[in-house]
C-alpha atoms as a PDB file:
ATOM      1  CA  UNK A   1       0.000   0.000   0.000  1.00  0.00           C
ATOM      2  CA  UNK A   2       1.468   3.332  -0.998  1.00  0.00           C
ATOM      3  CA  UNK A   3      -0.676   5.734   1.015  1.00  0.00           C
ATOM      4  CA  UNK A   4      -2.659   5.462   4.236  1.00  0.00           C
ATOM      5  CA  UNK A   5      -5.860   7.525   3.959  1.00  0.00           C
ATOM      6  CA  UNK A   6      -6.436  10.415   6.362  1.00  0.00           C
ATOM      7  CA  UNK A   7      -7.944   9.095   9.586  1.00  0.00           C
ATOM      8  CA  UNK A   8      -6.195   5.723   9.551  1.00  0.00           C
ATOM      9  CA  UNK A   9      -2.850   4.535  10.860  1.00  0.00           C
ATOM     10  CA  UNK A  10      -0.841   1.320  10.679  1.00  0.00           C
ATOM     11  CA  UNK A  11       0.347  -0.380  13.869  1.00  0.00           C
ATOM     12  CA  UNK A  12       2.006  -3.778  13.808  1.00  0.00           C
ATOM     13  CA  UNK A  13       0.840  -4.322  10.238  1.00  0.00           C
ATOM     14  CA  UNK A  14      -2.836  -3.648  11.019  1.00  0.00           C
ATOM     15  CA  UNK A  15      -5.010  -0.679  10.053  1.00  0.00           C
ATOM     16  CA  UNK A  16      -6.615   1.327  12.876  1.00  0.00           C
ATOM     17  CA  UNK A  17      -8.953   4.313  12.931  1.00  0.00           C
ATOM     18  CA  UNK A  18      -7.504   7.549  14.365  1.00  0.00           C
ATOM     19  CA  UNK A  19     -10.552   8.867  16.238  1.00  0.00           C
ATOM     20  CA  UNK A  20      -9.675  12.578  16.171  1.00  0.00           C
ATOM     21  CA  UNK A  21      -9.219  12.546  12.393  1.00  0.00           C
ATOM     22  CA  UNK A  22     -12.181  10.201  11.899  1.00  0.00           C
ATOM     23  CA  UNK A  23     -14.408  12.694  13.740  1.00  0.00           C
ATOM     24  CA  UNK A  24     -13.368  15.350  11.215  1.00  0.00           C
ATOM     25  CA  UNK A  25     -14.084  13.034   8.280  1.00  0.00           C
ATOM     26  CA  UNK A  26     -17.527  12.176   9.686  1.00  0.00           C
ATOM     27  CA  UNK A  27     -18.252  15.873  10.222  1.00  0.00           C
ATOM     28  CA  UNK A  28     -17.213  16.690   6.644  1.00  0.00           C
ATOM     29  CA  UNK A  29     -19.642  14.034   5.365  1.00  0.00           C
ATOM     30  CA  UNK A  30     -22.434  15.325   7.621  1.00  0.00           C
ATOM     31  CA  UNK A  31     -21.797  18.944   6.634  1.00  0.00           C
ATOM     32  CA  UNK A  32     -21.834  18.163   2.925  1.00  0.00           C
ATOM     33  CA  UNK A  33     -24.971  16.024   3.132  1.00  0.00           C
ATOM     34  CA  UNK A  34     -26.699  18.829   5.045  1.00  0.00           C
ATOM     35  CA  UNK A  35     -26.091  21.210   2.131  1.00  0.00           C
ATOM     36  CA  UNK A  36     -22.747  22.917   2.744  1.00  0.00           C
ATOM     37  CA  UNK A  37     -20.284  23.363  -0.107  1.00  0.00           C
ATOM     38  CA  UNK A  38     -17.289  21.055  -0.306  1.00  0.00           C
ATOM     39  CA  UNK A  39     -14.877  23.700   0.975  1.00  0.00           C
ATOM     40  CA  UNK A  40     -17.207  24.949   3.717  1.00  0.00           C
ATOM     41  CA  UNK A  41     -17.847  21.368   4.864  1.00  0.00           C
ATOM     42  CA  UNK A  42     -14.150  20.834   5.540  1.00  0.00           C
ATOM     43  CA  UNK A  43     -13.515  24.296   6.972  1.00  0.00           C
ATOM     44  CA  UNK A  44     -16.401  23.965   9.450  1.00  0.00           C
ATOM     45  CA  UNK A  45     -15.142  20.522  10.486  1.00  0.00           C
ATOM     46  CA  UNK A  46     -11.746  22.044  11.326  1.00  0.00           C
ATOM     47  CA  UNK A  47      -9.939  20.509   8.365  1.00  0.00           C
ATOM     48  CA  UNK A  48      -9.548  23.307   5.792  1.00  0.00           C
ATOM     49  CA  UNK A  49      -8.539  21.659   2.526  1.00  0.00           C
ATOM     50  CA  UNK A  50      -9.183  22.556  -1.101  1.00  0.00           C
ATOM     51  CA  UNK A  51     -12.411  21.859  -2.964  1.00  0.00           C
ATOM     52  CA  UNK A  52     -10.842  19.070  -5.032  1.00  0.00           C
ATOM     53  CA  UNK A  53      -9.259  17.423  -1.984  1.00  0.00           C
ATOM     54  CA  UNK A  54     -12.625  17.361  -0.186  1.00  0.00           C
ATOM     55  CA  UNK A  55     -14.263  15.785  -3.230  1.00  0.00           C
ATOM     56  CA  UNK A  56     -11.564  13.097  -3.358  1.00  0.00           C
ATOM     57  CA  UNK A  57     -11.955  12.461   0.376  1.00  0.00           C
ATOM     58  CA  UNK A  58     -15.727  12.025   0.044  1.00  0.00           C
ATOM     59  CA  UNK A  59     -15.330   9.616  -2.870  1.00  0.00           C
ATOM     60  CA  UNK A  60     -12.939   7.248  -1.076  1.00  0.00           C
ATOM     61  CA  UNK A  61     -14.570   3.909  -0.378  1.00  0.00           C
ATOM     62  CA  UNK A  62     -12.292   3.314   2.603  1.00  0.00           C
ATOM     63  CA  UNK A  63     -14.432   5.719   4.658  1.00  0.00           C
ATOM     64  CA  UNK A  64     -17.464   3.432   4.488  1.00  0.00           C
ATOM     65  CA  UNK A  65     -15.370   0.420   5.493  1.00  0.00           C
ATOM     66  CA  UNK A  66     -14.496  -2.686   3.551  1.00  0.00           C
ATOM     67  CA  UNK A  67     -12.561  -5.892   4.040  1.00  0.00           C
ATOM     68  CA  UNK A  68      -9.306  -3.961   4.498  1.00  0.00           C
ATOM     69  CA  UNK A  69     -10.320  -0.677   6.161  1.00  0.00           C
ATOM     70  CA  UNK A  70     -12.311  -0.949   9.388  1.00  0.00           C
ATOM     71  CA  UNK A  71     -15.375   1.107  10.172  1.00  0.00           C
ATOM     72  CA  UNK A  72     -17.365   1.673  13.284  1.00  0.00           C
ATOM     73  CA  UNK A  73     -20.455  -0.507  13.430  1.00  0.00           C
ATOM     74  CA  UNK A  74     -22.576   2.578  14.154  1.00  0.00           C
ATOM     75  CA  UNK A  75     -21.076   4.710  11.357  1.00  0.00           C
ATOM     76  CA  UNK A  76     -23.727   5.847   8.891  1.00  0.00           C
ATOM     77  CA  UNK A  77     -23.008   5.283   5.221  1.00  0.00           C
ATOM     78  CA  UNK A  78     -23.820   8.330   3.127  1.00  0.00           C
ATOM     79  CA  UNK A  79     -24.636   8.362  -0.553  1.00  0.00           C
ATOM     80  CA  UNK A  80     -22.902  11.466  -1.841  1.00  0.00           C
ATOM     81  CA  UNK A  81     -23.737  13.032  -5.177  1.00  0.00           C
ATOM     82  CA  UNK A  82     -21.628  15.974  -6.247  1.00  0.00           C
ATOM     83  CA  UNK A  83     -23.204  19.167  -7.506  1.00  0.00           C
END
């Protein structure tokens, strides 16, 4: 693997969620779904990144969990359509 996505870390060869960063990612998703722009969603969540970086973050399948990346059992899965 060449890059560990924001909000994850590797310890002893296993992937773990970094809660502080994961909270920001969840807030970005919630902000965007509630109607904020991509940039405003990240800025309000305390993670000011560019419009294109937010779009890439929201499109990453690792944030909904899969066989490699863990997810919290209570984490909501959002369907995001870009305007």
